[in-house]
Amino acid sequence: MDRVRRRKKISLEDLLVDGVIYLLGLIILFVTVYPFLYVLIISFNEGVDASLGGIYWWPRKFTLENYEQFFNDSKWLVGLGVTVLRTVAGTLIGVLFTTLVAYGLSFQNLAGRKLYMTIIVISMYFSGGIIPYYTLLKELHLIDTFFVYVIPGALNTFFLMVGVSFFGDIPGSLRESAKMDGASELTVFRKIILPISTPFLATLTLFIGVGHWNNWYDSAFFVKTKELRTLSYLMMEVINKSMVSSGAGSATAQTASATTTLSIQTAAMVVAVAPILCVYPFLQKYFVTGIMIGSVKE
């Protein structure tokens, strides 16, 4: 009876408002999801046939040849390998250094803390430019090496500030009680601080990992060896070439294999996005908490 009465209390105005909200939500969902769905559809369709247009909801001529071409091309495989290695190494090093420095700067009695924080804030707002940055990398012998992907981004200044705020909110009594039991500072950090820092670490890992996975900028400016080029740079290179050459010309050139530059590119995009989509659901519960770190102060 109570449920029936509650349903009767819902007015026509409430139903209209709810209907508009759900309709807008569906429209936003469609606009957001359909571009990814379209890329997936084209990647499973014959390239020459896809160049004719008219494909919207499912592949007209289903094929796996685009993915076969992708995985049979050593250029794409090498780029994928470099990207995976860069993402894993860069994420581990970035999370390690950012977390350690943030934890150290969270101590209010740290000698020179104000100077360190001032330098970090200034570096966040001002940059020396591409030429001084290139000169610095050259002096460090990082140009055209794999380490140019990892070392310059070992310390993320934005999340460093977030980490300082997060670690600063942890009660000092936790560290003091552990030290009274004979634990060293490293033991306190490893066995007490890190286990309760899961939201921050998950958010930091997600952002740094996605940044490394999608970054093509440093591969374009600081790497000349083709074997060190990342997957994102190769896709950007294909996009630039396809913009120069006409779509019909590229389709005609590869008619024998029924693939085009665009179809192989979409397959590469699906391969590039798939790992992020697989990892994100496991970090989502920590991600929502992590982005709120430092946003509310009592």
Protein backbone atom coordinates (compact mmCIF):
# COMPACT_ATOMS: atom_id res chain seq x y z
CA MET A 1 0.00 0.00 0.00
CA ASP A 2 2.82 2.41 0.83
CA ARG A 3 4.43 1.82 -2.55
CA VAL A 4 1.11 2.52 -4.32
CA ARG A 5 0.63 5.77 -2.42
CA ARG A 6 4.19 6.87 -3.24
CA ARG A 7 3.60 6.20 -6.92
CA LYS A 8 0.39 8.25 -6.83
CA LYS A 9 2.27 11.18 -5.31
CA ILE A 10 4.49 11.44 -8.40
CA SER A 11 3.12 14.36 -10.36
CA LEU A 12 3.05 14.83 -14.11
CA GLU A 13 5.71 17.52 -13.77
CA ASP A 14 8.07 15.06 -12.07
CA LEU A 15 7.52 12.55 -14.85
CA LEU A 16 8.28 15.15 -17.51
CA VAL A 17 11.44 16.28 -15.74
CA ASP A 18 12.61 12.68 -15.31
CA GLY A 19 11.84 11.98 -18.95
CA VAL A 20 13.87 14.99 -20.12
CA ILE A 21 16.78 14.01 -17.88
CA TYR A 22 16.80 10.42 -19.15
CA LEU A 23 16.52 11.62 -22.75
CA LEU A 24 19.44 14.01 -22.35
CA GLY A 25 21.43 11.27 -20.65
CA LEU A 26 20.80 8.89 -23.56
CA ILE A 27 21.78 11.57 -26.09
CA ILE A 28 25.02 12.32 -24.24
CA LEU A 29 25.74 8.59 -23.93
CA PHE A 30 25.20 8.08 -27.65
CA VAL A 31 27.36 11.06 -28.64
CA THR A 32 30.12 9.81 -26.35
CA VAL A 33 30.07 6.11 -27.21
CA TYR A 34 29.24 6.12 -30.93
CA PRO A 35 32.64 7.45 -32.17
CA PHE A 36 34.35 4.51 -30.45
CA LEU A 37 31.74 2.12 -31.82
CA TYR A 38 32.22 3.51 -35.34
CA VAL A 39 35.99 3.01 -35.17
CA LEU A 40 35.42 -0.57 -34.00
CA ILE A 41 32.99 -1.19 -36.89
CA ILE A 42 35.38 0.18 -39.51
CA SER A 43 38.25 -1.88 -38.10
CA PHE A 44 36.25 -5.08 -38.79
CA ASN A 45 35.13 -4.00 -42.28
CA GLU A 46 37.02 -4.32 -45.56
CA GLY A 47 39.00 -1.14 -46.10
CA VAL A 48 38.10 -0.59 -49.75
CA ASP A 49 34.42 -1.19 -49.03
CA ALA A 50 34.54 1.17 -46.01
CA SER A 51 35.97 3.94 -48.19
CA LEU A 52 32.69 3.95 -50.13
CA GLY A 53 30.83 5.10 -47.01
CA GLY A 54 27.37 4.17 -45.83
CA ILE A 55 28.52 2.12 -42.81
CA TYR A 56 26.92 3.17 -39.53
CA TRP A 57 25.88 0.33 -37.21
CA TRP A 58 27.66 -2.89 -38.22
CA PRO A 59 30.34 -4.05 -40.69
CA ARG A 60 29.04 -4.42 -44.25
CA LYS A 61 31.83 -6.81 -45.25
CA PHE A 62 33.23 -8.39 -42.11
CA THR A 63 36.94 -9.19 -42.17
CA LEU A 64 39.93 -9.64 -39.88
CA GLU A 65 42.39 -8.61 -42.56
CA ASN A 66 42.93 -5.17 -41.03
CA TYR A 67 44.17 -6.76 -37.81
CA GLU A 68 46.21 -9.30 -39.76
CA GLN A 69 47.91 -6.48 -41.64
CA PHE A 70 48.52 -4.67 -38.36
CA PHE A 71 50.09 -7.62 -36.54
CA ASN A 72 52.05 -8.74 -39.62
CA ASP A 73 53.65 -5.32 -40.02
CA SER A 74 56.84 -5.22 -37.95
CA LYS A 75 56.60 -1.43 -37.72
CA TRP A 76 53.37 -1.57 -35.76
CA LEU A 77 54.54 -4.46 -33.59
CA VAL A 78 57.78 -2.68 -32.68
CA GLY A 79 55.84 0.50 -31.91
CA LEU A 80 53.43 -1.47 -29.73
CA GLY A 81 56.32 -3.11 -27.88
CA VAL A 82 58.05 0.22 -27.29
CA THR A 83 54.80 1.73 -26.04
CA VAL A 84 54.15 -1.14 -23.63
CA LEU A 85 57.71 -1.05 -22.30
CA ARG A 86 57.62 2.72 -21.99
CA THR A 87 54.27 2.69 -20.20
CA VAL A 88 55.29 0.01 -17.71
CA ALA A 89 58.73 1.47 -16.94
CA GLY A 90 57.58 5.09 -16.99
CA THR A 91 54.59 4.40 -14.75
CA LEU A 92 56.59 2.45 -12.18
CA ILE A 93 59.35 5.05 -12.03
CA GLY A 94 56.92 7.97 -12.06
CA VAL A 95 54.77 6.55 -9.26
CA LEU A 96 57.85 5.65 -7.19
CA PHE A 97 59.59 9.02 -7.43
CA THR A 98 56.42 11.11 -7.16
CA THR A 99 55.25 9.19 -4.10
CA LEU A 100 58.62 9.31 -2.33
CA VAL A 101 59.15 13.02 -2.91
CA ALA A 102 55.55 13.85 -1.96
CA TYR A 103 55.89 11.86 1.26
CA GLY A 104 59.10 13.68 2.15
CA LEU A 105 57.66 17.11 1.44
CA SER A 106 54.60 16.35 3.57
CA PHE A 107 56.71 16.77 6.73
CA GLN A 108 56.28 20.33 7.98
CA ASN A 109 59.63 20.29 9.78
CA LEU A 110 61.61 19.34 6.66
CA ALA A 111 64.63 21.62 6.23
CA GLY A 112 64.22 23.88 3.17
CA ARG A 113 60.63 22.76 2.61
CA LYS A 114 59.40 26.23 1.63
CA LEU A 115 62.19 26.59 -0.92
CA TYR A 116 61.43 23.20 -2.46
CA MET A 117 57.71 23.95 -2.65
CA THR A 118 58.38 27.35 -4.23
CA ILE A 119 60.60 25.81 -6.91
CA ILE A 120 57.97 23.17 -7.67
CA VAL A 121 55.14 25.72 -7.96
CA ILE A 122 57.23 27.96 -10.24
CA SER A 123 58.07 25.00 -12.49
CA MET A 124 54.35 24.24 -12.81
CA TYR A 125 53.51 27.72 -14.12
CA PHE A 126 56.62 28.60 -16.16
CA SER A 127 58.51 26.62 -18.77
CA GLY A 128 61.83 27.30 -20.45
CA GLY A 129 60.48 26.34 -23.88
CA ILE A 130 61.25 23.60 -26.34
CA ILE A 131 64.76 24.79 -27.27
CA PRO A 132 66.20 24.90 -23.71
CA TYR A 133 64.45 21.62 -22.98
CA TYR A 134 65.99 20.01 -26.05
CA THR A 135 69.41 21.37 -25.10
CA LEU A 136 69.07 19.94 -21.60
CA LEU A 137 68.11 16.52 -22.93
CA LYS A 138 71.04 16.63 -25.33
CA GLU A 139 73.49 17.48 -22.53
CA LEU A 140 72.10 14.56 -20.53
CA HIS A 141 72.61 12.28 -23.57
CA LEU A 142 68.94 11.35 -23.65
CA ILE A 143 68.21 12.35 -27.26
CA ASP A 144 67.37 9.37 -29.48
CA THR A 145 67.39 6.94 -26.56
CA PHE A 146 64.65 5.00 -24.82
CA PHE A 147 65.34 6.83 -21.55
CA VAL A 148 64.02 10.09 -23.01
CA TYR A 149 60.57 8.57 -22.52
CA VAL A 150 61.12 7.71 -18.86
CA ILE A 151 63.57 10.02 -17.05
CA PRO A 152 62.11 13.49 -17.87
CA GLY A 153 58.69 12.43 -16.61
CA ALA A 154 59.92 10.60 -13.51
CA LEU A 155 58.48 13.35 -11.29
CA ASN A 156 54.95 14.59 -11.91
CA THR A 157 54.74 18.01 -10.24
CA PHE A 158 50.94 18.23 -10.30
CA PHE A 159 50.43 14.93 -8.51
CA LEU A 160 53.39 15.77 -6.32
CA MET A 161 51.33 18.62 -4.86
CA VAL A 162 48.30 16.32 -4.56
CA GLY A 163 50.45 13.75 -2.79
CA VAL A 164 51.81 16.33 -0.35
CA SER A 165 48.23 17.23 0.58
CA PHE A 166 47.23 13.57 0.88
CA PHE A 167 50.18 12.47 3.03
CA GLY A 168 49.86 15.62 5.13
CA ASP A 169 46.34 14.56 6.17
CA ILE A 170 47.55 11.20 7.54
CA PRO A 171 47.72 11.37 11.36
CA GLY A 172 51.27 11.57 12.64
CA SER A 173 50.38 9.20 15.47
CA LEU A 174 50.51 6.28 13.01
CA ARG A 175 54.15 6.94 12.25
CA GLU A 176 55.04 7.68 15.85
CA SER A 177 53.50 4.46 17.16
CA ALA A 178 55.36 2.41 14.57
CA LYS A 179 58.66 4.11 15.37
CA MET A 180 58.13 3.39 19.06
CA ASP A 181 57.98 -0.29 18.09
CA GLY A 182 61.36 0.04 16.39
CA ALA A 183 60.27 0.50 12.77
CA SER A 184 62.49 2.57 10.49
CA GLU A 185 61.17 5.40 8.33
CA LEU A 186 61.32 3.19 5.24
CA THR A 187 59.42 0.42 7.04
CA VAL A 188 56.76 2.91 8.15
CA PHE A 189 56.39 4.14 4.59
CA ARG A 190 56.24 0.65 3.09
CA LYS A 191 54.01 -1.14 5.62
CA ILE A 192 51.80 1.64 6.96
CA ILE A 193 51.66 4.62 4.59
CA LEU A 194 51.43 2.79 1.26
CA PRO A 195 48.60 0.38 2.25
CA ILE A 196 46.35 3.31 3.25
CA SER A 197 47.33 5.33 0.16
CA THR A 198 45.59 3.08 -2.39
CA PRO A 199 43.24 5.81 -3.78
CA PHE A 200 46.15 8.18 -4.41
CA LEU A 201 48.40 5.48 -5.87
CA ALA A 202 45.66 4.14 -8.15
CA THR A 203 44.82 7.60 -9.47
CA LEU A 204 48.48 8.42 -9.94
CA THR A 205 49.11 5.13 -11.76
CA LEU A 206 46.13 5.64 -14.06
CA PHE A 207 47.02 9.19 -15.08
CA ILE A 208 50.74 8.55 -15.55
CA GLY A 209 50.09 5.28 -17.43
CA VAL A 210 47.56 6.84 -19.81
CA GLY A 211 49.90 9.81 -20.33
CA HIS A 212 52.77 7.53 -21.36
CA TRP A 213 50.51 5.35 -23.52
CA ASN A 214 49.08 8.27 -25.51
CA ASN A 215 52.16 10.48 -25.71
CA TRP A 216 53.57 11.00 -29.20
CA TYR A 217 55.16 14.43 -28.69
CA ASP A 218 58.56 13.32 -27.38
CA SER A 219 58.80 10.56 -29.97
CA ALA A 220 58.35 13.14 -32.72
CA PHE A 221 60.89 15.69 -31.47
CA PHE A 222 63.50 13.75 -29.49
CA VAL A 223 63.75 10.38 -31.27
CA LYS A 224 65.15 9.71 -34.74
CA THR A 225 65.57 5.93 -34.67
CA LYS A 226 62.53 4.26 -36.20
CA GLU A 227 62.80 1.28 -33.86
CA LEU A 228 62.18 3.61 -30.89
CA ARG A 229 59.01 5.20 -32.25
CA THR A 230 55.87 4.61 -30.20
CA LEU A 231 52.49 3.36 -31.39
CA SER A 232 50.82 6.72 -30.84
CA TYR A 233 53.45 8.43 -33.01
CA LEU A 234 52.96 5.89 -35.79
CA MET A 235 49.22 6.52 -35.73
CA MET A 236 49.81 10.27 -35.84
CA GLU A 237 52.15 9.73 -38.79
CA VAL A 238 49.46 7.74 -40.62
CA ILE A 239 46.90 10.47 -39.94
CA ASN A 240 49.19 13.14 -41.37
CA LYS A 241 49.90 11.05 -44.47
CA SER A 242 46.22 10.32 -45.04
CA MET A 243 45.46 14.04 -44.83
CA VAL A 244 48.01 14.74 -47.58
CA SER A 245 46.91 11.94 -49.89
CA SER A 246 43.30 11.60 -51.00
CA GLY A 247 41.15 8.79 -49.63
CA ALA A 248 40.45 7.40 -53.11
CA GLY A 249 44.13 7.23 -53.97
CA SER A 250 45.02 5.35 -50.81
CA ALA A 251 42.15 2.92 -51.39
CA THR A 252 43.24 2.24 -54.98
CA ALA A 253 46.80 1.61 -53.92
CA GLN A 254 45.76 -1.22 -51.60
CA THR A 255 42.81 -2.69 -53.50
CA ALA A 256 44.60 -6.01 -53.88
CA SER A 257 44.58 -6.62 -50.14
CA ALA A 258 41.14 -4.97 -49.57
CA THR A 259 42.70 -2.81 -46.85
CA THR A 260 43.34 0.91 -46.75
CA THR A 261 45.41 3.21 -44.60
CA LEU A 262 42.29 4.21 -42.71
CA SER A 263 41.17 0.64 -42.01
CA ILE A 264 44.58 -0.37 -40.65
CA GLN A 265 44.68 2.84 -38.63
CA THR A 266 41.33 2.04 -37.01
CA ALA A 267 42.61 -1.42 -36.12
CA ALA A 268 45.65 0.22 -34.52
CA MET A 269 43.36 2.58 -32.60
CA VAL A 270 41.33 -0.34 -31.23
CA VAL A 271 44.53 -2.12 -30.15
CA ALA A 272 45.76 1.08 -28.51
CA VAL A 273 42.53 1.79 -26.62
CA ALA A 274 41.78 -1.79 -25.52
CA PRO A 275 44.39 -2.00 -22.70
CA ILE A 276 43.12 1.24 -21.13
CA LEU A 277 39.52 0.00 -21.26
CA CYS A 278 40.58 -3.26 -19.62
CA VAL A 279 42.50 -1.60 -16.79
CA TYR A 280 40.16 1.29 -15.99
CA PRO A 281 37.24 -0.73 -14.50
CA PHE A 282 39.56 -2.18 -11.85
CA LEU A 283 40.80 1.29 -10.84
CA GLN A 284 37.51 3.16 -11.11
CA LYS A 285 36.52 2.73 -7.45
CA TYR A 286 39.85 4.23 -6.40
CA PHE A 287 39.81 6.84 -9.14
CA VAL A 288 36.67 8.61 -7.87
CA THR A 289 38.14 8.84 -4.37
CA GLY A 290 41.58 9.81 -5.62
CA ILE A 291 40.47 12.82 -7.68
CA MET A 292 38.80 14.27 -4.57
CA ILE A 293 42.05 14.24 -2.58
CA GLY A 294 42.77 17.67 -1.21
CA SER A 295 39.57 19.18 -2.58
CA VAL A 296 37.76 19.38 0.77
CA LYS A 297 39.29 20.84 3.90
CA GLU A 298 37.66 20.86 7.30
